[in-house]
């Protein structure tokens, strides 16, 4: 019956509005917003003179295109797994509203356009960093999700690349501040994604995705790891201050956002429920724009 329903869905032609919404969903816009924010911070801090707005727009657009291509190709590769999970079953590919080949070609075109735009409008380094992010995310992180919980560690390396892309586009090379932003984003990913994995652990298990250790049925290891990365994130977030790249406003905001993030992590350690994990995710979504936004505003006001 499921197969018949799936075939019937493929036989229906979606409206233009539905098709546009499906293509938009393929790009993972909720992820791309944080990608753009991170790339913006890297660009602004990497700019050596007055802000070059045409270059900034080209950099953000190129980064967005590559990120959208990555999200699309990720959904193409994981379409069968997505079909078995409740939270992803209604995505365009598992629901049968778009054909797999169409999505694959769409993703490849987006990535190629983004890589070319970064290459010619910015510089080859920015383009290569963006395309390396795509390749490592799809060829390493994605297949490892079915093999080992260490996939989160592997995925954190390409996941932290957007500030480097922005910096490279503005500066032409990589500097210490770029790596400070990279380190912040690298550590931020662990509490964010581990909390998501705990929220949807049954869905992930149903799809055969090994996001958490099989023996961590009570969430003890997961909650402790979240706290460990949170306590590491706070001093790393102050690196820009210690290196003279940020001031009092950034310090105050980073510590306040970090304290809230840690408080939510501690609540999760005490009450390992999906609701508490959702609050950690919420705190993570607040934390990153606050930290990157303050350091960006500090540079612009300077």
C-alpha atoms as a PDB file:
ATOM      1  CA  UNK A   1       0.000   0.000   0.000  1.00  0.00           C
ATOM      2  CA  UNK A   2       2.815   2.411   0.854  1.00  0.00           C
ATOM      3  CA  UNK A   3       4.457   1.739  -2.509  1.00  0.00           C
ATOM      4  CA  UNK A   4       1.163   2.358  -4.346  1.00  0.00           C
ATOM      5  CA  UNK A   5       0.642   5.633  -2.477  1.00  0.00           C
ATOM      6  CA  UNK A   6       4.183   6.686  -3.291  1.00  0.00           C
ATOM      7  CA  UNK A   7       3.678   5.939  -6.998  1.00  0.00           C
ATOM      8  CA  UNK A   8       0.397   7.855  -7.026  1.00  0.00           C
ATOM      9  CA  UNK A   9       2.124  10.858  -5.466  1.00  0.00           C
ATOM     10  CA  UNK A  10       4.768  10.816  -8.196  1.00  0.00           C
ATOM     11  CA  UNK A  11       2.031  10.718 -10.814  1.00  0.00           C
ATOM     12  CA  UNK A  12       0.475  13.966  -9.677  1.00  0.00           C
ATOM     13  CA  UNK A  13       1.850  17.215 -11.025  1.00  0.00           C
ATOM     14  CA  UNK A  14       2.314  19.696  -8.168  1.00  0.00           C
ATOM     15  CA  UNK A  15       1.259  23.297  -8.600  1.00  0.00           C
ATOM     16  CA  UNK A  16       3.905  25.879  -9.426  1.00  0.00           C
ATOM     17  CA  UNK A  17       3.637  27.240  -5.894  1.00  0.00           C
ATOM     18  CA  UNK A  18       4.064  23.764  -4.372  1.00  0.00           C
ATOM     19  CA  UNK A  19       7.001  23.019  -6.669  1.00  0.00           C
ATOM     20  CA  UNK A  20       8.701  26.282  -5.686  1.00  0.00           C
ATOM     21  CA  UNK A  21       8.149  25.478  -2.012  1.00  0.00           C
ATOM     22  CA  UNK A  22       9.623  21.998  -2.531  1.00  0.00           C
ATOM     23  CA  UNK A  23      12.753  23.305  -4.241  1.00  0.00           C
ATOM     24  CA  UNK A  24      13.108  25.869  -1.462  1.00  0.00           C
ATOM     25  CA  UNK A  25      12.811  23.122   1.161  1.00  0.00           C
ATOM     26  CA  UNK A  26      15.513  21.094  -0.599  1.00  0.00           C
ATOM     27  CA  UNK A  27      18.033  23.855   0.051  1.00  0.00           C
ATOM     28  CA  UNK A  28      17.555  23.679   3.858  1.00  0.00           C
ATOM     29  CA  UNK A  29      16.933  27.431   4.334  1.00  0.00           C
ATOM     30  CA  UNK A  30      16.900  27.170   8.133  1.00  0.00           C
ATOM     31  CA  UNK A  31      20.511  25.941   8.032  1.00  0.00           C
ATOM     32  CA  UNK A  32      21.543  28.439   5.373  1.00  0.00           C
ATOM     33  CA  UNK A  33      20.563  31.382   7.553  1.00  0.00           C
ATOM     34  CA  UNK A  34      23.235  30.452  10.114  1.00  0.00           C
ATOM     35  CA  UNK A  35      25.704  29.713   7.308  1.00  0.00           C
ATOM     36  CA  UNK A  36      25.211  33.201   5.876  1.00  0.00           C
ATOM     37  CA  UNK A  37      25.487  34.829   9.285  1.00  0.00           C
ATOM     38  CA  UNK A  38      28.783  33.020   9.918  1.00  0.00           C
ATOM     39  CA  UNK A  39      30.160  33.901   6.484  1.00  0.00           C
ATOM     40  CA  UNK A  40      29.152  37.532   7.032  1.00  0.00           C
ATOM     41  CA  UNK A  41      31.088  37.658  10.299  1.00  0.00           C
ATOM     42  CA  UNK A  42      34.165  36.216   8.609  1.00  0.00           C
ATOM     43  CA  UNK A  43      33.927  38.674   5.722  1.00  0.00           C
ATOM     44  CA  UNK A  44      33.471  41.767   7.875  1.00  0.00           C
ATOM     45  CA  UNK A  45      36.380  40.866  10.137  1.00  0.00           C
ATOM     46  CA  UNK A  46      38.551  39.928   7.166  1.00  0.00           C
ATOM     47  CA  UNK A  47      37.989  43.193   5.289  1.00  0.00           C
ATOM     48  CA  UNK A  48      41.112  45.355   5.530  1.00  0.00           C
ATOM     49  CA  UNK A  49      39.580  48.650   4.432  1.00  0.00           C
ATOM     50  CA  UNK A  50      36.102  50.115   3.931  1.00  0.00           C
ATOM     51  CA  UNK A  51      33.463  47.462   3.489  1.00  0.00           C
ATOM     52  CA  UNK A  52      33.232  46.358  -0.151  1.00  0.00           C
ATOM     53  CA  UNK A  53      29.475  45.844  -0.505  1.00  0.00           C
ATOM     54  CA  UNK A  54      29.468  44.392  -4.058  1.00  0.00           C
ATOM     55  CA  UNK A  55      32.065  41.824  -3.001  1.00  0.00           C
ATOM     56  CA  UNK A  56      30.126  41.112   0.194  1.00  0.00           C
ATOM     57  CA  UNK A  57      26.899  40.463  -1.736  1.00  0.00           C
ATOM     58  CA  UNK A  58      28.721  38.211  -4.224  1.00  0.00           C
ATOM     59  CA  UNK A  59      30.359  36.308  -1.373  1.00  0.00           C
ATOM     60  CA  UNK A  60      27.104  35.753   0.484  1.00  0.00           C
ATOM     61  CA  UNK A  61      25.290  34.754  -2.697  1.00  0.00           C
ATOM     62  CA  UNK A  62      28.049  32.349  -3.733  1.00  0.00           C
ATOM     63  CA  UNK A  63      28.163  30.842  -0.243  1.00  0.00           C
ATOM     64  CA  UNK A  64      24.370  30.540  -0.207  1.00  0.00           C
ATOM     65  CA  UNK A  65      24.365  28.748  -3.563  1.00  0.00           C
ATOM     66  CA  UNK A  66      27.003  26.226  -2.476  1.00  0.00           C
ATOM     67  CA  UNK A  67      25.265  25.686   0.872  1.00  0.00           C
ATOM     68  CA  UNK A  68      21.930  25.237  -0.910  1.00  0.00           C
ATOM     69  CA  UNK A  69      23.507  22.756  -3.299  1.00  0.00           C
ATOM     70  CA  UNK A  70      24.963  20.884  -0.343  1.00  0.00           C
ATOM     71  CA  UNK A  71      21.606  20.735   1.425  1.00  0.00           C
ATOM     72  CA  UNK A  72      19.881  19.539  -1.737  1.00  0.00           C
ATOM     73  CA  UNK A  73      22.440  16.839  -2.476  1.00  0.00           C
ATOM     74  CA  UNK A  74      22.332  15.741   1.155  1.00  0.00           C
ATOM     75  CA  UNK A  75      18.585  15.204   0.878  1.00  0.00           C
ATOM     76  CA  UNK A  76      19.156  13.356  -2.395  1.00  0.00           C
ATOM     77  CA  UNK A  77      21.626  10.976  -0.741  1.00  0.00           C
ATOM     78  CA  UNK A  78      19.473  10.482   2.354  1.00  0.00           C
ATOM     79  CA  UNK A  79      16.092  10.198   0.657  1.00  0.00           C
ATOM     80  CA  UNK A  80      15.583   6.565   1.698  1.00  0.00           C
ATOM     81  CA  UNK A  81      16.525   7.256   5.317  1.00  0.00           C
ATOM     82  CA  UNK A  82      14.280  10.325   5.333  1.00  0.00           C
ATOM     83  CA  UNK A  83      11.359   8.169   4.202  1.00  0.00           C
ATOM     84  CA  UNK A  84      11.543   6.126   7.421  1.00  0.00           C
ATOM     85  CA  UNK A  85      11.672   9.085   9.831  1.00  0.00           C
ATOM     86  CA  UNK A  86       8.545  10.889  10.963  1.00  0.00           C
ATOM     87  CA  UNK A  87      10.096  14.359  10.962  1.00  0.00           C
ATOM     88  CA  UNK A  88      11.476  14.029   7.403  1.00  0.00           C
ATOM     89  CA  UNK A  89       8.954  11.760   5.686  1.00  0.00           C
ATOM     90  CA  UNK A  90       7.117  14.736   4.173  1.00  0.00           C
ATOM     91  CA  UNK A  91      10.203  16.252   2.580  1.00  0.00           C
ATOM     92  CA  UNK A  92       9.893  16.585  -1.218  1.00  0.00           C
ATOM     93  CA  UNK A  93      11.927  13.482  -2.117  1.00  0.00           C
ATOM     94  CA  UNK A  94      10.645  10.878   0.384  1.00  0.00           C
ATOM     95  CA  UNK A  95       7.091  12.162  -0.131  1.00  0.00           C
ATOM     96  CA  UNK A  96       7.522  11.715  -3.887  1.00  0.00           C
ATOM     97  CA  UNK A  97       6.731  15.286  -4.893  1.00  0.00           C
ATOM     98  CA  UNK A  98      10.051  15.621  -6.731  1.00  0.00           C
ATOM     99  CA  UNK A  99      12.071  13.034  -8.628  1.00  0.00           C
ATOM    100  CA  UNK A 100      15.488  12.100  -7.266  1.00  0.00           C
ATOM    101  CA  UNK A 101      17.264  12.862 -10.550  1.00  0.00           C
ATOM    102  CA  UNK A 102      15.712  16.317 -10.693  1.00  0.00           C
ATOM    103  CA  UNK A 103      16.841  17.104  -7.152  1.00  0.00           C
ATOM    104  CA  UNK A 104      20.346  15.806  -7.841  1.00  0.00           C
ATOM    105  CA  UNK A 105      20.726  17.999 -10.933  1.00  0.00           C
ATOM    106  CA  UNK A 106      19.301  20.993  -9.078  1.00  0.00           C
ATOM    107  CA  UNK A 107      21.851  20.534  -6.294  1.00  0.00           C
ATOM    108  CA  UNK A 108      24.761  20.158  -8.708  1.00  0.00           C
ATOM    109  CA  UNK A 109      23.759  23.312 -10.603  1.00  0.00           C
ATOM    110  CA  UNK A 110      23.451  25.350  -7.413  1.00  0.00           C
ATOM    111  CA  UNK A 111      26.851  24.195  -6.155  1.00  0.00           C
ATOM    112  CA  UNK A 112      28.543  24.825  -9.511  1.00  0.00           C
ATOM    113  CA  UNK A 113      27.074  28.322  -9.795  1.00  0.00           C
ATOM    114  CA  UNK A 114      28.102  29.168  -6.241  1.00  0.00           C
ATOM    115  CA  UNK A 115      31.624  27.857  -6.695  1.00  0.00           C
ATOM    116  CA  UNK A 116      32.031  29.782  -9.955  1.00  0.00           C
ATOM    117  CA  UNK A 117      30.691  33.000  -8.442  1.00  0.00           C
ATOM    118  CA  UNK A 118      33.094  32.794  -5.509  1.00  0.00           C
ATOM    119  CA  UNK A 119      36.001  31.976  -7.843  1.00  0.00           C
ATOM    120  CA  UNK A 120      35.483  34.897 -10.224  1.00  0.00           C
ATOM    121  CA  UNK A 121      33.862  37.523  -7.965  1.00  0.00           C
ATOM    122  CA  UNK A 122      36.036  36.866  -4.893  1.00  0.00           C
ATOM    123  CA  UNK A 123      39.051  34.574  -5.297  1.00  0.00           C
ATOM    124  CA  UNK A 124      39.937  30.892  -5.831  1.00  0.00           C
ATOM    125  CA  UNK A 125      40.632  30.311  -2.128  1.00  0.00           C
ATOM    126  CA  UNK A 126      37.080  31.203  -1.104  1.00  0.00           C
ATOM    127  CA  UNK A 127      35.692  28.996  -3.868  1.00  0.00           C
ATOM    128  CA  UNK A 128      37.888  26.030  -2.981  1.00  0.00           C
ATOM    129  CA  UNK A 129      36.988  26.311   0.709  1.00  0.00           C
ATOM    130  CA  UNK A 130      33.284  26.295  -0.151  1.00  0.00           C
ATOM    131  CA  UNK A 131      33.581  23.327  -2.506  1.00  0.00           C
ATOM    132  CA  UNK A 132      35.754  21.437  -0.009  1.00  0.00           C
ATOM    133  CA  UNK A 133      33.009  21.979   2.541  1.00  0.00           C
ATOM    134  CA  UNK A 134      30.466  20.464   0.151  1.00  0.00           C
ATOM    135  CA  UNK A 135      32.686  17.485  -0.692  1.00  0.00           C
ATOM    136  CA  UNK A 136      33.607  16.609   2.886  1.00  0.00           C
ATOM    137  CA  UNK A 137      30.024  17.020   4.090  1.00  0.00           C
ATOM    138  CA  UNK A 138      28.601  14.749   1.407  1.00  0.00           C
ATOM    139  CA  UNK A 139      31.404  12.214   1.027  1.00  0.00           C
ATOM    140  CA  UNK A 140      32.520  11.879   4.659  1.00  0.00           C
ATOM    141  CA  UNK A 141      29.917  13.099   7.129  1.00  0.00           C
ATOM    142  CA  UNK A 142      26.795  11.865   5.335  1.00  0.00           C
ATOM    143  CA  UNK A 143      27.837   8.200   4.865  1.00  0.00           C
ATOM    144  CA  UNK A 144      29.387   8.056   8.349  1.00  0.00           C
ATOM    145  CA  UNK A 145      26.000   8.790   9.912  1.00  0.00           C
ATOM    146  CA  UNK A 146      25.091   5.143   9.308  1.00  0.00           C
ATOM    147  CA  UNK A 147      28.383   3.820  10.674  1.00  0.00           C
ATOM    148  CA  UNK A 148      29.519   5.648  13.800  1.00  0.00           C
ATOM    149  CA  UNK A 149      28.504   8.381  16.271  1.00  0.00           C
ATOM    150  CA  UNK A 150      31.859   9.973  15.448  1.00  0.00           C
ATOM    151  CA  UNK A 151      30.103  11.370  12.377  1.00  0.00           C
ATOM    152  CA  UNK A 152      29.317  14.472  14.456  1.00  0.00           C
ATOM    153  CA  UNK A 153      33.023  15.083  15.010  1.00  0.00           C
ATOM    154  CA  UNK A 154      33.788  14.577  11.324  1.00  0.00           C
ATOM    155  CA  UNK A 155      30.916  16.809  10.252  1.00  0.00           C
ATOM    156  CA  UNK A 156      32.005  19.601  12.588  1.00  0.00           C
ATOM    157  CA  UNK A 157      35.079  20.287  10.452  1.00  0.00           C
ATOM    158  CA  UNK A 158      33.210  21.250   7.249  1.00  0.00           C
ATOM    159  CA  UNK A 159      30.385  22.678   9.354  1.00  0.00           C
ATOM    160  CA  UNK A 160      32.688  25.347  10.770  1.00  0.00           C
ATOM    161  CA  UNK A 161      33.953  26.524   7.382  1.00  0.00           C
ATOM    162  CA  UNK A 162      31.590  29.459   6.589  1.00  0.00           C
ATOM    163  CA  UNK A 163      33.631  32.077   8.545  1.00  0.00           C
ATOM    164  CA  UNK A 164      36.758  30.948   6.689  1.00  0.00           C
ATOM    165  CA  UNK A 165      34.971  31.335   3.358  1.00  0.00           C
ATOM    166  CA  UNK A 166      33.885  34.866   4.239  1.00  0.00           C
ATOM    167  CA  UNK A 167      37.306  35.818   5.539  1.00  0.00           C
ATOM    168  CA  UNK A 168      39.094  34.378   2.495  1.00  0.00           C
ATOM    169  CA  UNK A 169      36.763  36.247   0.132  1.00  0.00           C
ATOM    170  CA  UNK A 170      37.531  39.577   1.824  1.00  0.00           C
ATOM    171  CA  UNK A 171      41.185  39.041   2.711  1.00  0.00           C
ATOM    172  CA  UNK A 172      42.550  36.686   0.077  1.00  0.00           C
ATOM    173  CA  UNK A 173      44.161  34.494   2.733  1.00  0.00           C
ATOM    174  CA  UNK A 174      43.398  33.104   6.197  1.00  0.00           C
ATOM    175  CA  UNK A 175      44.390  34.840   9.432  1.00  0.00           C
ATOM    176  CA  UNK A 176      44.255  34.233  13.173  1.00  0.00           C
ATOM    177  CA  UNK A 177      40.848  35.873  13.658  1.00  0.00           C
ATOM    178  CA  UNK A 178      39.349  33.637  10.980  1.00  0.00           C
ATOM    179  CA  UNK A 179      40.482  30.587  12.929  1.00  0.00           C
ATOM    180  CA  UNK A 180      39.056  32.073  16.139  1.00  0.00           C
ATOM    181  CA  UNK A 181      35.636  32.206  14.487  1.00  0.00           C
ATOM    182  CA  UNK A 182      36.183  28.706  13.126  1.00  0.00           C
ATOM    183  CA  UNK A 183      36.933  27.394  16.628  1.00  0.00           C
ATOM    184  CA  UNK A 184      33.792  28.995  18.080  1.00  0.00           C
ATOM    185  CA  UNK A 185      31.570  27.528  15.374  1.00  0.00           C
ATOM    186  CA  UNK A 186      33.334  24.144  15.585  1.00  0.00           C
ATOM    187  CA  UNK A 187      32.581  23.767  19.307  1.00  0.00           C
ATOM    188  CA  UNK A 188      29.081  25.244  19.025  1.00  0.00           C
ATOM    189  CA  UNK A 189      27.984  22.443  16.716  1.00  0.00           C
ATOM    190  CA  UNK A 190      28.342  19.678  19.315  1.00  0.00           C
ATOM    191  CA  UNK A 191      25.738  20.828  21.876  1.00  0.00           C
ATOM    192  CA  UNK A 192      23.491  21.926  19.017  1.00  0.00           C
ATOM    193  CA  UNK A 193      23.516  18.660  17.069  1.00  0.00           C
ATOM    194  CA  UNK A 194      23.740  16.324  20.065  1.00  0.00           C
ATOM    195  CA  UNK A 195      20.622  17.944  21.520  1.00  0.00           C
ATOM    196  CA  UNK A 196      18.848  17.443  18.178  1.00  0.00           C
ATOM    197  CA  UNK A 197      20.022  13.821  18.102  1.00  0.00           C
ATOM    198  CA  UNK A 198      18.576  13.247  21.591  1.00  0.00           C
ATOM    199  CA  UNK A 199      15.271  14.836  20.611  1.00  0.00           C
ATOM    200  CA  UNK A 200      14.901  12.586  17.580  1.00  0.00           C
ATOM    201  CA  UNK A 201      16.803   9.530  18.797  1.00  0.00           C
ATOM    202  CA  UNK A 202      13.935   7.152  17.981  1.00  0.00           C
ATOM    203  CA  UNK A 203      13.614   8.544  14.472  1.00  0.00           C
ATOM    204  CA  UNK A 204      17.352   8.269  13.880  1.00  0.00           C
ATOM    205  CA  UNK A 205      17.408   4.695  15.205  1.00  0.00           C
ATOM    206  CA  UNK A 206      14.515   3.783  12.911  1.00  0.00           C
ATOM    207  CA  UNK A 207      16.500   5.081   9.927  1.00  0.00           C
ATOM    208  CA  UNK A 208      19.692   3.329  11.004  1.00  0.00           C
ATOM    209  CA  UNK A 209      21.526   6.596  11.661  1.00  0.00           C
ATOM    210  CA  UNK A 210      24.066   6.184  14.466  1.00  0.00           C
ATOM    211  CA  UNK A 211      24.063   9.731  15.811  1.00  0.00           C
ATOM    212  CA  UNK A 212      24.328   8.585  19.445  1.00  0.00           C
ATOM    213  CA  UNK A 213      26.073   5.613  21.092  1.00  0.00           C
ATOM    214  CA  UNK A 214      23.731   2.611  21.098  1.00  0.00           C
ATOM    215  CA  UNK A 215      24.269   2.014  24.818  1.00  0.00           C
ATOM    216  CA  UNK A 216      23.433   5.578  25.867  1.00  0.00           C
ATOM    217  CA  UNK A 217      19.755   4.790  26.351  1.00  0.00           C
ATOM    218  CA  UNK A 218      19.407   7.162  29.334  1.00  0.00           C
ATOM    219  CA  UNK A 219      21.249  10.064  27.727  1.00  0.00           C
ATOM    220  CA  UNK A 220      23.931  10.270  30.414  1.00  0.00           C
ATOM    221  CA  UNK A 221      26.846  10.289  27.980  1.00  0.00           C
ATOM    222  CA  UNK A 222      25.072  12.669  25.604  1.00  0.00           C
ATOM    223  CA  UNK A 223      24.195  15.244  28.275  1.00  0.00           C
ATOM    224  CA  UNK A 224      27.692  15.124  29.754  1.00  0.00           C
ATOM    225  CA  UNK A 225      29.284  15.598  26.350  1.00  0.00           C
ATOM    226  CA  UNK A 226      27.023  18.561  25.690  1.00  0.00           C
ATOM    227  CA  UNK A 227      28.145  20.163  28.954  1.00  0.00           C
ATOM    228  CA  UNK A 228      31.819  19.423  28.243  1.00  0.00           C
ATOM    229  CA  UNK A 229      31.654  21.199  24.902  1.00  0.00           C
ATOM    230  CA  UNK A 230      29.710  24.090  26.402  1.00  0.00           C
ATOM    231  CA  UNK A 231      32.359  24.636  29.090  1.00  0.00           C
ATOM    232  CA  UNK A 232      35.028  24.515  26.370  1.00  0.00           C
ATOM    233  CA  UNK A 233      33.078  26.944  24.183  1.00  0.00           C
ATOM    234  CA  UNK A 234      33.035  29.785  26.738  1.00  0.00           C
ATOM    235  CA  UNK A 235      36.819  30.381  26.987  1.00  0.00           C
ATOM    236  CA  UNK A 236      37.213  29.841  23.237  1.00  0.00           C
ATOM    237  CA  UNK A 237      34.530  32.464  22.586  1.00  0.00           C
ATOM    238  CA  UNK A 238      36.716  34.951  24.475  1.00  0.00           C
ATOM    239  CA  UNK A 239      39.703  34.409  22.188  1.00  0.00           C
ATOM    240  CA  UNK A 240      38.796  37.526  20.153  1.00  0.00           C
ATOM    241  CA  UNK A 241      38.989  39.550  23.392  1.00  0.00           C
ATOM    242  CA  UNK A 242      42.324  38.108  24.473  1.00  0.00           C
ATOM    243  CA  UNK A 243      43.720  38.686  20.973  1.00  0.00           C
ATOM    244  CA  UNK A 244      42.523  42.307  20.965  1.00  0.00           C
ATOM    245  CA  UNK A 245      39.858  41.826  18.286  1.00  0.00           C
ATOM    246  CA  UNK A 246      36.814  42.590  20.476  1.00  0.00           C
ATOM    247  CA  UNK A 247      35.899  44.784  23.415  1.00  0.00           C
ATOM    248  CA  UNK A 248      33.625  45.072  26.440  1.00  0.00           C
ATOM    249  CA  UNK A 249      30.306  44.858  24.585  1.00  0.00           C
ATOM    250  CA  UNK A 250      31.352  41.602  22.949  1.00  0.00           C
ATOM    251  CA  UNK A 251      32.681  40.193  26.234  1.00  0.00           C
ATOM    252  CA  UNK A 252      29.456  40.975  28.080  1.00  0.00           C
ATOM    253  CA  UNK A 253      27.222  39.591  25.357  1.00  0.00           C
ATOM    254  CA  UNK A 254      29.285  36.455  24.799  1.00  0.00           C
ATOM    255  CA  UNK A 255      29.358  35.648  28.511  1.00  0.00           C
ATOM    256  CA  UNK A 256      25.628  36.298  28.902  1.00  0.00           C
ATOM    257  CA  UNK A 257      24.709  34.137  25.912  1.00  0.00           C
ATOM    258  CA  UNK A 258      27.173  31.467  27.021  1.00  0.00           C
ATOM    259  CA  UNK A 259      25.768  31.419  30.543  1.00  0.00           C
ATOM    260  CA  UNK A 260      22.243  30.920  29.217  1.00  0.00           C
ATOM    261  CA  UNK A 261      23.506  28.160  26.914  1.00  0.00           C
ATOM    262  CA  UNK A 262      25.238  26.382  29.817  1.00  0.00           C
ATOM    263  CA  UNK A 263      22.162  26.761  32.050  1.00  0.00           C
ATOM    264  CA  UNK A 264      20.058  25.013  29.433  1.00  0.00           C
ATOM    265  CA  UNK A 265      22.703  22.301  29.121  1.00  0.00           C
ATOM    266  CA  UNK A 266      22.667  21.749  32.882  1.00  0.00           C
ATOM    267  CA  UNK A 267      18.874  21.481  32.861  1.00  0.00           C
ATOM    268  CA  UNK A 268      19.156  18.813  30.183  1.00  0.00           C
ATOM    269  CA  UNK A 269      21.714  16.923  32.271  1.00  0.00           C
ATOM    270  CA  UNK A 270      19.202  16.803  35.132  1.00  0.00           C
ATOM    271  CA  UNK A 271      16.074  16.143  33.047  1.00  0.00           C
ATOM    272  CA  UNK A 272      16.997  14.237  29.927  1.00  0.00           C
ATOM    273  CA  UNK A 273      13.759  14.813  28.037  1.00  0.00           C
ATOM    274  CA  UNK A 274      12.988  15.903  24.500  1.00  0.00           C
ATOM    275  CA  UNK A 275      11.612  19.169  25.888  1.00  0.00           C
ATOM    276  CA  UNK A 276      14.865  19.993  27.678  1.00  0.00           C
ATOM    277  CA  UNK A 277      16.853  19.067  24.558  1.00  0.00           C
ATOM    278  CA  UNK A 278      14.665  21.411  22.532  1.00  0.00           C
ATOM    279  CA  UNK A 279      15.538  24.224  24.925  1.00  0.00           C
ATOM    280  CA  UNK A 280      19.246  23.536  24.368  1.00  0.00           C
ATOM    281  CA  UNK A 281      18.682  23.806  20.616  1.00  0.00           C
ATOM    282  CA  UNK A 282      16.809  27.059  21.176  1.00  0.00           C
ATOM    283  CA  UNK A 283      19.683  28.420  23.278  1.00  0.00           C
ATOM    284  CA  UNK A 284      22.174  27.431  20.577  1.00  0.00           C
ATOM    285  CA  UNK A 285      20.189  29.305  17.929  1.00  0.00           C
ATOM    286  CA  UNK A 286      20.262  32.402  20.143  1.00  0.00           C
ATOM    287  CA  UNK A 287      23.934  32.046  21.041  1.00  0.00           C
ATOM    288  CA  UNK A 288      25.524  32.054  17.590  1.00  0.00           C
ATOM    289  CA  UNK A 289      23.871  35.209  16.180  1.00  0.00           C
ATOM    290  CA  UNK A 290      24.589  37.047  19.438  1.00  0.00           C
ATOM    291  CA  UNK A 291      28.285  36.176  19.472  1.00  0.00           C
ATOM    292  CA  UNK A 292      28.932  36.617  15.747  1.00  0.00           C
ATOM    293  CA  UNK A 293      26.634  39.634  15.582  1.00  0.00           C
ATOM    294  CA  UNK A 294      28.444  41.465  18.387  1.00  0.00           C
ATOM    295  CA  UNK A 295      31.893  40.842  16.967  1.00  0.00           C
ATOM    296  CA  UNK A 296      30.678  41.973  13.536  1.00  0.00           C
ATOM    297  CA  UNK A 297      29.083  45.153  14.910  1.00  0.00           C
ATOM    298  CA  UNK A 298      32.254  45.875  16.856  1.00  0.00           C
ATOM    299  CA  UNK A 299      34.297  45.756  13.667  1.00  0.00           C
ATOM    300  CA  UNK A 300      31.804  47.932  11.743  1.00  0.00           C
ATOM    301  CA  UNK A 301      31.688  50.566  14.495  1.00  0.00           C
ATOM    302  CA  UNK A 302      35.455  50.580  14.645  1.00  0.00           C
END
